mmCIF file of all heavy atoms, coordinates in Angstrom:
data_MODEL
# 
_entry.id   MODEL 
# 
loop_
_atom_site.group_PDB 
_atom_site.id 
_atom_site.type_symbol 
_atom_site.label_atom_id 
_atom_site.label_alt_id 
_atom_site.label_comp_id 
_atom_site.label_asym_id 
_atom_site.label_entity_id 
_atom_site.label_seq_id 
_atom_site.pdbx_PDB_ins_code 
_atom_site.Cartn_x 
_atom_site.Cartn_y 
_atom_site.Cartn_z 
_atom_site.occupancy 
_atom_site.B_iso_or_equiv 
_atom_site.pdbx_formal_charge 
_atom_site.auth_seq_id 
_atom_site.auth_comp_id 
_atom_site.auth_asym_id 
_atom_site.auth_atom_id 
_atom_site.pdbx_PDB_model_num 
ATOM 1   N N   . SER A 1 1  ? 67.907 94.411  85.688 1.00 0.00 ? 1  SER A N   1 
ATOM 2   C CA  . SER A 1 1  ? 67.392 95.517  86.520 1.00 0.00 ? 1  SER A CA  1 
ATOM 3   C C   . SER A 1 1  ? 68.418 95.959  87.558 1.00 0.00 ? 1  SER A C   1 
ATOM 4   O O   . SER A 1 1  ? 68.600 97.158  87.831 1.00 0.00 ? 1  SER A O   1 
ATOM 5   C CB  . SER A 1 1  ? 66.095 95.094  87.210 1.00 0.00 ? 1  SER A CB  1 
ATOM 6   O OG  . SER A 1 1  ? 65.101 94.776  86.243 1.00 0.00 ? 1  SER A OG  1 
ATOM 7   N N   . GLU A 1 2  ? 69.101 94.982  88.163 1.00 0.00 ? 2  GLU A N   1 
ATOM 8   C CA  . GLU A 1 2  ? 70.118 95.323  89.153 1.00 0.00 ? 2  GLU A CA  1 
ATOM 9   C C   . GLU A 1 2  ? 71.264 96.108  88.537 1.00 0.00 ? 2  GLU A C   1 
ATOM 10  O O   . GLU A 1 2  ? 71.775 97.085  89.114 1.00 0.00 ? 2  GLU A O   1 
ATOM 11  C CB  . GLU A 1 2  ? 70.635 94.051  89.811 1.00 0.00 ? 2  GLU A CB  1 
ATOM 12  C CG  . GLU A 1 2  ? 69.602 93.372  90.695 1.00 0.00 ? 2  GLU A CG  1 
ATOM 13  C CD  . GLU A 1 2  ? 70.118 92.040  91.239 1.00 0.00 ? 2  GLU A CD  1 
ATOM 14  O OE1 . GLU A 1 2  ? 71.245 91.671  90.836 1.00 0.00 ? 2  GLU A OE1 1 
ATOM 15  O OE2 . GLU A 1 2  ? 69.405 91.418  92.043 1.00 0.00 ? 2  GLU A OE2 1 
ATOM 16  N N   . ALA A 1 3  ? 71.693 95.698  87.324 1.00 0.00 ? 3  ALA A N   1 
ATOM 17  C CA  . ALA A 1 3  ? 72.786 96.401  86.647 1.00 0.00 ? 3  ALA A CA  1 
ATOM 18  C C   . ALA A 1 3  ? 72.368 97.818  86.281 1.00 0.00 ? 3  ALA A C   1 
ATOM 19  O O   . ALA A 1 3  ? 73.155 98.779  86.400 1.00 0.00 ? 3  ALA A O   1 
ATOM 20  C CB  . ALA A 1 3  ? 73.222 95.633  85.398 1.00 0.00 ? 3  ALA A CB  1 
ATOM 21  N N   . ARG A 1 4  ? 71.107 97.926  85.801 1.00 0.00 ? 4  ARG A N   1 
ATOM 22  C CA  . ARG A 1 4  ? 70.630 99.267  85.441 1.00 0.00 ? 4  ARG A CA  1 
ATOM 23  C C   . ARG A 1 4  ? 70.558 100.161 86.691 1.00 0.00 ? 4  ARG A C   1 
ATOM 24  O O   . ARG A 1 4  ? 70.926 101.338 86.647 1.00 0.00 ? 4  ARG A O   1 
ATOM 25  C CB  . ARG A 1 4  ? 69.250 99.153  84.795 1.00 0.00 ? 4  ARG A CB  1 
ATOM 26  C CG  . ARG A 1 4  ? 68.742 100.496 84.284 1.00 0.00 ? 4  ARG A CG  1 
ATOM 27  C CD  . ARG A 1 4  ? 67.375 100.367 83.664 1.00 0.00 ? 4  ARG A CD  1 
ATOM 28  N NE  . ARG A 1 4  ? 67.427 99.603  82.436 1.00 0.00 ? 4  ARG A NE  1 
ATOM 29  C CZ  . ARG A 1 4  ? 66.855 98.412  82.249 1.00 0.00 ? 4  ARG A CZ  1 
ATOM 30  N NH1 . ARG A 1 4  ? 66.192 97.842  83.231 1.00 0.00 ? 4  ARG A NH1 1 
ATOM 31  N NH2 . ARG A 1 4  ? 66.947 97.791  81.094 1.00 0.00 ? 4  ARG A NH2 1 
ATOM 32  N N   . ARG A 1 5  ? 70.089 99.631  87.829 1.00 0.00 ? 5  ARG A N   1 
ATOM 33  C CA  . ARG A 1 5  ? 69.979 100.397 89.064 1.00 0.00 ? 5  ARG A CA  1 
ATOM 34  C C   . ARG A 1 5  ? 71.365 100.843 89.557 1.00 0.00 ? 5  ARG A C   1 
ATOM 35  O O   . ARG A 1 5  ? 71.556 101.976 89.996 1.00 0.00 ? 5  ARG A O   1 
ATOM 36  C CB  . ARG A 1 5  ? 69.293 99.571  90.140 1.00 0.00 ? 5  ARG A CB  1 
ATOM 37  C CG  . ARG A 1 5  ? 69.016 100.353 91.426 1.00 0.00 ? 5  ARG A CG  1 
ATOM 38  C CD  . ARG A 1 5  ? 68.324 99.496  92.465 1.00 0.00 ? 5  ARG A CD  1 
ATOM 39  N NE  . ARG A 1 5  ? 67.066 98.976  91.990 1.00 0.00 ? 5  ARG A NE  1 
ATOM 40  C CZ  . ARG A 1 5  ? 66.837 97.701  91.667 1.00 0.00 ? 5  ARG A CZ  1 
ATOM 41  N NH1 . ARG A 1 5  ? 67.812 96.807  91.795 1.00 0.00 ? 5  ARG A NH1 1 
ATOM 42  N NH2 . ARG A 1 5  ? 65.661 97.311  91.235 1.00 0.00 ? 5  ARG A NH2 1 
ATOM 43  N N   . ALA A 1 6  ? 72.336 99.942  89.473 1.00 0.00 ? 6  ALA A N   1 
ATOM 44  C CA  . ALA A 1 6  ? 73.688 100.300 89.914 1.00 0.00 ? 6  ALA A CA  1 
ATOM 45  C C   . ALA A 1 6  ? 74.277 101.404 89.055 1.00 0.00 ? 6  ALA A C   1 
ATOM 46  O O   . ALA A 1 6  ? 74.944 102.324 89.546 1.00 0.00 ? 6  ALA A O   1 
ATOM 47  C CB  . ALA A 1 6  ? 74.587 99.063  89.867 1.00 0.00 ? 6  ALA A CB  1 
ATOM 48  N N   . ALA A 1 7  ? 74.021 101.358 87.727 1.00 0.00 ? 7  ALA A N   1 
ATOM 49  C CA  . ALA A 1 7  ? 74.524 102.391 86.829 1.00 0.00 ? 7  ALA A CA  1 
ATOM 50  C C   . ALA A 1 7  ? 73.880 103.744 87.146 1.00 0.00 ? 7  ALA A C   1 
ATOM 51  O O   . ALA A 1 7  ? 74.547 104.796 87.132 1.00 0.00 ? 7  ALA A O   1 
ATOM 52  C CB  . ALA A 1 7  ? 74.274 102.003 85.380 1.00 0.00 ? 7  ALA A CB  1 
ATOM 53  N N   . LEU A 1 8  ? 72.578 103.746 87.446 1.00 0.00 ? 8  LEU A N   1 
ATOM 54  C CA  . LEU A 1 8  ? 71.889 104.987 87.771 1.00 0.00 ? 8  LEU A CA  1 
ATOM 55  C C   . LEU A 1 8  ? 72.402 105.592 89.075 1.00 0.00 ? 8  LEU A C   1 
ATOM 56  O O   . LEU A 1 8  ? 72.601 106.814 89.183 1.00 0.00 ? 8  LEU A O   1 
ATOM 57  C CB  . LEU A 1 8  ? 70.381 104.748 87.859 1.00 0.00 ? 8  LEU A CB  1 
ATOM 58  C CG  . LEU A 1 8  ? 69.650 104.496 86.535 1.00 0.00 ? 8  LEU A CG  1 
ATOM 59  C CD1 . LEU A 1 8  ? 68.196 104.116 86.793 1.00 0.00 ? 8  LEU A CD1 1 
ATOM 60  C CD2 . LEU A 1 8  ? 69.725 105.727 85.648 1.00 0.00 ? 8  LEU A CD2 1 
ATOM 61  N N   . LEU A 1 9  ? 72.624 104.755 90.079 1.00 0.00 ? 9  LEU A N   1 
ATOM 62  C CA  . LEU A 1 9  ? 73.118 105.239 91.363 1.00 0.00 ? 9  LEU A CA  1 
ATOM 63  C C   . LEU A 1 9  ? 74.502 105.853 91.226 1.00 0.00 ? 9  LEU A C   1 
ATOM 64  O O   . LEU A 1 9  ? 74.791 106.925 91.796 1.00 0.00 ? 9  LEU A O   1 
ATOM 65  C CB  . LEU A 1 9  ? 73.136 104.095 92.378 1.00 0.00 ? 9  LEU A CB  1 
ATOM 66  C CG  . LEU A 1 9  ? 71.759 103.635 92.883 1.00 0.00 ? 9  LEU A CG  1 
ATOM 67  C CD1 . LEU A 1 9  ? 71.928 102.408 93.777 1.00 0.00 ? 9  LEU A CD1 1 
ATOM 68  C CD2 . LEU A 1 9  ? 71.067 104.756 93.650 1.00 0.00 ? 9  LEU A CD2 1 
ATOM 69  N N   . SER A 1 10 ? 75.373 105.191 90.513 1.00 0.00 ? 10 SER A N   1 
ATOM 70  C CA  . SER A 1 10 ? 76.727 105.730 90.362 1.00 0.00 ? 10 SER A CA  1 
ATOM 71  C C   . SER A 1 10 ? 76.714 107.015 89.545 1.00 0.00 ? 10 SER A C   1 
ATOM 72  O O   . SER A 1 10 ? 77.476 107.952 89.817 1.00 0.00 ? 10 SER A O   1 
ATOM 73  C CB  . SER A 1 10 ? 77.632 104.690 89.701 1.00 0.00 ? 10 SER A CB  1 
ATOM 74  O OG  . SER A 1 10 ? 77.136 104.344 88.405 1.00 0.00 ? 10 SER A OG  1 
ATOM 75  N N   . SER A 1 11 ? 75.822 107.072 88.535 1.00 0.00 ? 11 SER A N   1 
ATOM 76  C CA  . SER A 1 11 ? 75.714 108.306 87.748 1.00 0.00 ? 11 SER A CA  1 
ATOM 77  C C   . SER A 1 11 ? 75.181 109.462 88.610 1.00 0.00 ? 11 SER A C   1 
ATOM 78  O O   . SER A 1 11 ? 75.673 110.601 88.505 1.00 0.00 ? 11 SER A O   1 
ATOM 79  C CB  . SER A 1 11 ? 74.780 108.069 86.558 1.00 0.00 ? 11 SER A CB  1 
ATOM 80  O OG  . SER A 1 11 ? 74.610 109.250 85.827 1.00 0.00 ? 11 SER A OG  1 
ATOM 81  N N   . ASP A 1 12 ? 74.178 109.179 89.473 1.00 0.00 ? 12 ASP A N   1 
ATOM 82  C CA  . ASP A 1 12 ? 73.638 110.217 90.359 1.00 0.00 ? 12 ASP A CA  1 
ATOM 83  C C   . ASP A 1 12 ? 74.680 110.673 91.371 1.00 0.00 ? 12 ASP A C   1 
ATOM 84  O O   . ASP A 1 12 ? 74.788 111.874 91.662 1.00 0.00 ? 12 ASP A O   1 
ATOM 85  C CB  . ASP A 1 12 ? 72.400 109.658 91.078 1.00 0.00 ? 12 ASP A CB  1 
ATOM 86  C CG  . ASP A 1 12 ? 71.751 110.692 91.970 1.00 0.00 ? 12 ASP A CG  1 
ATOM 87  O OD1 . ASP A 1 12 ? 71.234 111.703 91.451 1.00 0.00 ? 12 ASP A OD1 1 
ATOM 88  O OD2 . ASP A 1 12 ? 71.776 110.512 93.209 1.00 0.00 ? 12 ASP A OD2 1 
ATOM 89  N N   . GLN A 1 13 ? 75.463 109.745 91.899 1.00 0.00 ? 13 GLN A N   1 
ATOM 90  C CA  . GLN A 1 13 ? 76.509 110.098 92.841 1.00 0.00 ? 13 GLN A CA  1 
ATOM 91  C C   . GLN A 1 13 ? 77.547 111.000 92.199 1.00 0.00 ? 13 GLN A C   1 
ATOM 92  O O   . GLN A 1 13 ? 78.005 111.999 92.797 1.00 0.00 ? 13 GLN A O   1 
ATOM 93  C CB  . GLN A 1 13 ? 77.180 108.828 93.380 1.00 0.00 ? 13 GLN A CB  1 
ATOM 94  C CG  . GLN A 1 13 ? 78.265 109.083 94.414 1.00 0.00 ? 13 GLN A CG  1 
ATOM 95  C CD  . GLN A 1 13 ? 77.709 109.728 95.672 1.00 0.00 ? 13 GLN A CD  1 
ATOM 96  O OE1 . GLN A 1 13 ? 76.616 109.363 96.114 1.00 0.00 ? 13 GLN A OE1 1 
ATOM 97  N NE2 . GLN A 1 13 ? 78.444 110.668 96.243 1.00 0.00 ? 13 GLN A NE2 1 
ATOM 98  N N   . LEU A 1 14 ? 77.902 110.690 90.928 1.00 0.00 ? 14 LEU A N   1 
ATOM 99  C CA  . LEU A 1 14 ? 78.860 111.515 90.205 1.00 0.00 ? 14 LEU A CA  1 
ATOM 100 C C   . LEU A 1 14 ? 78.292 112.920 89.981 1.00 0.00 ? 14 LEU A C   1 
ATOM 101 O O   . LEU A 1 14 ? 79.004 113.922 90.143 1.00 0.00 ? 14 LEU A O   1 
ATOM 102 C CB  . LEU A 1 14 ? 79.194 110.857 88.867 1.00 0.00 ? 14 LEU A CB  1 
ATOM 103 C CG  . LEU A 1 14 ? 80.131 111.657 87.940 1.00 0.00 ? 14 LEU A CG  1 
ATOM 104 C CD1 . LEU A 1 14 ? 81.482 111.885 88.615 1.00 0.00 ? 14 LEU A CD1 1 
ATOM 105 C CD2 . LEU A 1 14 ? 80.312 110.925 86.605 1.00 0.00 ? 14 LEU A CD2 1 
ATOM 106 N N   . LEU A 1 15 ? 77.004 112.997 89.649 1.00 0.00 ? 15 LEU A N   1 
ATOM 107 C CA  . LEU A 1 15 ? 76.383 114.300 89.417 1.00 0.00 ? 15 LEU A CA  1 
ATOM 108 C C   . LEU A 1 15 ? 76.364 115.139 90.697 1.00 0.00 ? 15 LEU A C   1 
ATOM 109 O O   . LEU A 1 15 ? 76.643 116.350 90.678 1.00 0.00 ? 15 LEU A O   1 
ATOM 110 C CB  . LEU A 1 15 ? 74.954 114.100 88.905 1.00 0.00 ? 15 LEU A CB  1 
ATOM 111 C CG  . LEU A 1 15 ? 74.161 115.392 88.619 1.00 0.00 ? 15 LEU A CG  1 
ATOM 112 C CD1 . LEU A 1 15 ? 74.855 116.208 87.542 1.00 0.00 ? 15 LEU A CD1 1 
ATOM 113 C CD2 . LEU A 1 15 ? 72.737 115.035 88.185 1.00 0.00 ? 15 LEU A CD2 1 
ATOM 114 N N   . GLN A 1 16 ? 76.054 114.527 91.833 1.00 0.00 ? 16 GLN A N   1 
ATOM 115 C CA  . GLN A 1 16 ? 76.066 115.248 93.109 1.00 0.00 ? 16 GLN A CA  1 
ATOM 116 C C   . GLN A 1 16 ? 77.457 115.782 93.436 1.00 0.00 ? 16 GLN A C   1 
ATOM 117 O O   . GLN A 1 16 ? 77.623 116.912 93.936 1.00 0.00 ? 16 GLN A O   1 
ATOM 118 C CB  . GLN A 1 16 ? 75.568 114.343 94.226 1.00 0.00 ? 16 GLN A CB  1 
ATOM 119 C CG  . GLN A 1 16 ? 74.087 114.012 94.150 1.00 0.00 ? 16 GLN A CG  1 
ATOM 120 C CD  . GLN A 1 16 ? 73.645 113.138 95.297 1.00 0.00 ? 16 GLN A CD  1 
ATOM 121 O OE1 . GLN A 1 16 ? 74.411 112.918 96.237 1.00 0.00 ? 16 GLN A OE1 1 
ATOM 122 N NE2 . GLN A 1 16 ? 72.424 112.618 95.216 1.00 0.00 ? 16 GLN A NE2 1 
ATOM 123 N N   . THR A 1 17 ? 78.461 114.991 93.168 1.00 0.00 ? 17 THR A N   1 
ATOM 124 C CA  . THR A 1 17 ? 79.834 115.421 93.424 1.00 0.00 ? 17 THR A CA  1 
ATOM 125 C C   . THR A 1 17 ? 80.205 116.612 92.555 1.00 0.00 ? 17 THR A C   1 
ATOM 126 O O   . THR A 1 17 ? 80.841 117.578 93.019 1.00 0.00 ? 17 THR A O   1 
ATOM 127 C CB  . THR A 1 17 ? 80.810 114.266 93.176 1.00 0.00 ? 17 THR A CB  1 
ATOM 128 O OG1 . THR A 1 17 ? 80.460 113.140 94.009 1.00 0.00 ? 17 THR A OG1 1 
ATOM 129 C CG2 . THR A 1 17 ? 82.237 114.685 93.481 1.00 0.00 ? 17 THR A CG2 1 
ATOM 130 N N   . VAL A 1 18 ? 79.797 116.575 91.269 1.00 0.00 ? 18 VAL A N   1 
ATOM 131 C CA  . VAL A 1 18 ? 80.076 117.684 90.361 1.00 0.00 ? 18 VAL A CA  1 
ATOM 132 C C   . VAL A 1 18 ? 79.373 118.962 90.827 1.00 0.00 ? 18 VAL A C   1 
ATOM 133 O O   . VAL A 1 18 ? 79.958 120.060 90.816 1.00 0.00 ? 18 VAL A O   1 
ATOM 134 C CB  . VAL A 1 18 ? 79.643 117.310 88.935 1.00 0.00 ? 18 VAL A CB  1 
ATOM 135 C CG1 . VAL A 1 18 ? 79.749 118.530 88.012 1.00 0.00 ? 18 VAL A CG1 1 
ATOM 136 C CG2 . VAL A 1 18 ? 80.515 116.190 88.390 1.00 0.00 ? 18 VAL A CG2 1 
ATOM 137 N N   . VAL A 1 19 ? 78.095 118.824 91.272 1.00 0.00 ? 19 VAL A N   1 
ATOM 138 C CA  . VAL A 1 19 ? 77.347 119.984 91.751 1.00 0.00 ? 19 VAL A CA  1 
ATOM 139 C C   . VAL A 1 19 ? 78.008 120.579 93.001 1.00 0.00 ? 19 VAL A C   1 
ATOM 140 O O   . VAL A 1 19 ? 78.150 121.799 93.145 1.00 0.00 ? 19 VAL A O   1 
ATOM 141 C CB  . VAL A 1 19 ? 75.881 119.608 92.038 1.00 0.00 ? 19 VAL A CB  1 
ATOM 142 C CG1 . VAL A 1 19 ? 75.155 120.735 92.763 1.00 0.00 ? 19 VAL A CG1 1 
ATOM 143 C CG2 . VAL A 1 19 ? 75.171 119.265 90.737 1.00 0.00 ? 19 VAL A CG2 1 
ATOM 144 N N   . GLU A 1 20 ? 78.410 119.709 93.908 1.00 0.00 ? 20 GLU A N   1 
ATOM 145 C CA  . GLU A 1 20 ? 79.054 120.184 95.140 1.00 0.00 ? 20 GLU A CA  1 
ATOM 146 C C   . GLU A 1 20 ? 80.361 120.893 94.825 1.00 0.00 ? 20 GLU A C   1 
ATOM 147 O O   . GLU A 1 20 ? 80.679 121.934 95.430 1.00 0.00 ? 20 GLU A O   1 
ATOM 148 C CB  . GLU A 1 20 ? 79.289 119.004 96.077 1.00 0.00 ? 20 GLU A CB  1 
ATOM 149 C CG  . GLU A 1 20 ? 79.759 119.424 97.466 1.00 0.00 ? 20 GLU A CG  1 
ATOM 150 C CD  . GLU A 1 20 ? 79.832 118.243 98.423 1.00 0.00 ? 20 GLU A CD  1 
ATOM 151 O OE1 . GLU A 1 20 ? 79.452 117.130 98.027 1.00 0.00 ? 20 GLU A OE1 1 
ATOM 152 O OE2 . GLU A 1 20 ? 80.284 118.462 99.564 1.00 0.00 ? 20 GLU A OE2 1 
ATOM 153 N N   . MET A 1 21 ? 81.127 120.349 93.866 1.00 0.00 ? 21 MET A N   1 
ATOM 154 C CA  . MET A 1 21 ? 82.371 121.020 93.481 1.00 0.00 ? 21 MET A CA  1 
ATOM 155 C C   . MET A 1 21 ? 82.093 122.399 92.872 1.00 0.00 ? 21 MET A C   1 
ATOM 156 O O   . MET A 1 21 ? 82.812 123.366 93.150 1.00 0.00 ? 21 MET A O   1 
ATOM 157 C CB  . MET A 1 21 ? 83.134 120.150 92.468 1.00 0.00 ? 21 MET A CB  1 
ATOM 158 C CG  . MET A 1 21 ? 83.794 118.929 93.066 1.00 0.00 ? 21 MET A CG  1 
ATOM 159 S SD  . MET A 1 21 ? 84.801 118.044 91.833 1.00 0.00 ? 21 MET A SD  1 
ATOM 160 C CE  . MET A 1 21 ? 86.083 119.240 91.536 1.00 0.00 ? 21 MET A CE  1 
ATOM 161 N N   . THR A 1 22 ? 81.028 122.460 92.066 1.00 0.00 ? 22 THR A N   1 
ATOM 162 C CA  . THR A 1 22 ? 80.666 123.747 91.453 1.00 0.00 ? 22 THR A CA  1 
ATOM 163 C C   . THR A 1 22 ? 80.320 124.790 92.522 1.00 0.00 ? 22 THR A C   1 
ATOM 164 O O   . THR A 1 22 ? 80.730 125.957 92.439 1.00 0.00 ? 22 THR A O   1 
ATOM 165 C CB  . THR A 1 22 ? 79.485 123.555 90.500 1.00 0.00 ? 22 THR A CB  1 
ATOM 166 O OG1 . THR A 1 22 ? 79.840 122.589 89.481 1.00 0.00 ? 22 THR A OG1 1 
ATOM 167 C CG2 . THR A 1 22 ? 79.109 124.878 89.833 1.00 0.00 ? 22 THR A CG2 1 
ATOM 168 N N   . ASN A 1 23 ? 79.545 124.382 93.542 1.00 0.00 ? 23 ASN A N   1 
ATOM 169 C CA  . ASN A 1 23 ? 79.173 125.314 94.616 1.00 0.00 ? 23 ASN A CA  1 
ATOM 170 C C   . ASN A 1 23 ? 80.392 125.782 95.402 1.00 0.00 ? 23 ASN A C   1 
ATOM 171 O O   . ASN A 1 23 ? 80.510 126.968 95.756 1.00 0.00 ? 23 ASN A O   1 
ATOM 172 C CB  . ASN A 1 23 ? 78.169 124.660 95.565 1.00 0.00 ? 23 ASN A CB  1 
ATOM 173 C CG  . ASN A 1 23 ? 76.824 124.423 94.897 1.00 0.00 ? 23 ASN A CG  1 
ATOM 174 O OD1 . ASN A 1 23 ? 76.459 125.125 93.953 1.00 0.00 ? 23 ASN A OD1 1 
ATOM 175 N ND2 . ASN A 1 23 ? 76.084 123.428 95.374 1.00 0.00 ? 23 ASN A ND2 1 
ATOM 176 N N   . VAL A 1 24 ? 81.296 124.867 95.700 1.00 0.00 ? 24 VAL A N   1 
ATOM 177 C CA  . VAL A 1 24 ? 82.502 125.229 96.444 1.00 0.00 ? 24 VAL A CA  1 
ATOM 178 C C   . VAL A 1 24 ? 83.360 126.181 95.618 1.00 0.00 ? 24 VAL A C   1 
ATOM 179 O O   . VAL A 1 24 ? 83.918 127.164 96.145 1.00 0.00 ? 24 VAL A O   1 
ATOM 180 C CB  . VAL A 1 24 ? 83.290 123.975 96.855 1.00 0.00 ? 24 VAL A CB  1 
ATOM 181 C CG1 . VAL A 1 24 ? 84.629 124.356 97.488 1.00 0.00 ? 24 VAL A CG1 1 
ATOM 182 C CG2 . VAL A 1 24 ? 82.483 123.121 97.817 1.00 0.00 ? 24 VAL A CG2 1 
ATOM 183 N N   . GLU A 1 25 ? 83.475 125.919 94.315 1.00 0.00 ? 25 GLU A N   1 
ATOM 184 C CA  . GLU A 1 25 ? 84.265 126.793 93.453 1.00 0.00 ? 25 GLU A CA  1 
ATOM 185 C C   . GLU A 1 25 ? 83.632 128.192 93.377 1.00 0.00 ? 25 GLU A C   1 
ATOM 186 O O   . GLU A 1 25 ? 84.340 129.205 93.360 1.00 0.00 ? 25 GLU A O   1 
ATOM 187 C CB  . GLU A 1 25 ? 84.376 126.190 92.049 1.00 0.00 ? 25 GLU A CB  1 
ATOM 188 C CG  . GLU A 1 25 ? 85.302 124.965 91.984 1.00 0.00 ? 25 GLU A CG  1 
ATOM 189 C CD  . GLU A 1 25 ? 85.264 124.301 90.618 1.00 0.00 ? 25 GLU A CD  1 
ATOM 190 O OE1 . GLU A 1 25 ? 84.378 124.688 89.810 1.00 0.00 ? 25 GLU A OE1 1 
ATOM 191 O OE2 . GLU A 1 25 ? 86.097 123.418 90.364 1.00 0.00 ? 25 GLU A OE2 1 
ATOM 192 N N   . ARG A 1 26 ? 82.281 128.224 93.327 1.00 0.00 ? 26 ARG A N   1 
ATOM 193 C CA  . ARG A 1 26 ? 81.612 129.527 93.295 1.00 0.00 ? 26 ARG A CA  1 
ATOM 194 C C   . ARG A 1 26 ? 81.867 130.303 94.597 1.00 0.00 ? 26 ARG A C   1 
ATOM 195 O O   . ARG A 1 26 ? 82.138 131.505 94.575 1.00 0.00 ? 26 ARG A O   1 
ATOM 196 C CB  . ARG A 1 26 ? 80.108 129.338 93.110 1.00 0.00 ? 26 ARG A CB  1 
ATOM 197 C CG  . ARG A 1 26 ? 79.356 130.663 92.938 1.00 0.00 ? 26 ARG A CG  1 
ATOM 198 C CD  . ARG A 1 26 ? 77.864 130.458 92.811 1.00 0.00 ? 26 ARG A CD  1 
ATOM 199 N NE  . ARG A 1 26 ? 77.536 129.663 91.652 1.00 0.00 ? 26 ARG A NE  1 
ATOM 200 C CZ  . ARG A 1 26 ? 77.053 128.414 91.661 1.00 0.00 ? 26 ARG A CZ  1 
ATOM 201 N NH1 . ARG A 1 26 ? 76.846 127.804 92.822 1.00 0.00 ? 26 ARG A NH1 1 
ATOM 202 N NH2 . ARG A 1 26 ? 76.765 127.786 90.557 1.00 0.00 ? 26 ARG A NH2 1 
ATOM 203 N N   . GLY A 1 27 ? 81.779 129.606 95.738 1.00 0.00 ? 27 GLY A N   1 
ATOM 204 C CA  . GLY A 1 27 ? 82.049 130.266 97.019 1.00 0.00 ? 27 GLY A CA  1 
ATOM 205 C C   . GLY A 1 27 ? 83.481 130.733 97.117 1.00 0.00 ? 27 GLY A C   1 
ATOM 206 O O   . GLY A 1 27 ? 83.743 131.847 97.619 1.00 0.00 ? 27 GLY A O   1 
ATOM 207 N N   . ARG A 1 28 ? 84.401 129.917 96.607 1.00 0.00 ? 28 ARG A N   1 
ATOM 208 C CA  . ARG A 1 28 ? 85.808 130.319 96.663 1.00 0.00 ? 28 ARG A CA  1 
ATOM 209 C C   . ARG A 1 28 ? 86.038 131.572 95.815 1.00 0.00 ? 28 ARG A C   1 
ATOM 210 O O   . ARG A 1 28 ? 86.790 132.483 96.204 1.00 0.00 ? 28 ARG A O   1 
ATOM 211 C CB  . ARG A 1 28 ? 86.696 129.185 96.144 1.00 0.00 ? 28 ARG A CB  1 
ATOM 212 C CG  . ARG A 1 28 ? 88.197 129.478 96.290 1.00 0.00 ? 28 ARG A CG  1 
ATOM 213 C CD  . ARG A 1 28 ? 89.036 128.420 95.611 1.00 0.00 ? 28 ARG A CD  1 
ATOM 214 N NE  . ARG A 1 28 ? 90.451 128.650 95.845 1.00 0.00 ? 28 ARG A NE  1 
ATOM 215 C CZ  . ARG A 1 28 ? 91.176 129.586 95.236 1.00 0.00 ? 28 ARG A CZ  1 
ATOM 216 N NH1 . ARG A 1 28 ? 90.596 130.407 94.366 1.00 0.00 ? 28 ARG A NH1 1 
ATOM 217 N NH2 . ARG A 1 28 ? 92.469 129.725 95.512 1.00 0.00 ? 28 ARG A NH2 1 
ATOM 218 N N   . GLY A 1 29 ? 85.382 131.615 94.650 1.00 0.00 ? 29 GLY A N   1 
ATOM 219 C CA  . GLY A 1 29 ? 85.520 132.787 93.803 1.00 0.00 ? 29 GLY A CA  1 
ATOM 220 C C   . GLY A 1 29 ? 84.971 134.048 94.486 1.00 0.00 ? 29 GLY A C   1 
ATOM 221 O O   . GLY A 1 29 ? 85.552 135.133 94.371 1.00 0.00 ? 29 GLY A O   1 
# 
């Protein structure tokens, strides 16, 4: 359970970073 939770957290963190980069790129455009 701990390993599964850690994998989910890191995946969610990566997704948030990708979304934030997308928003910044849209604003820059």
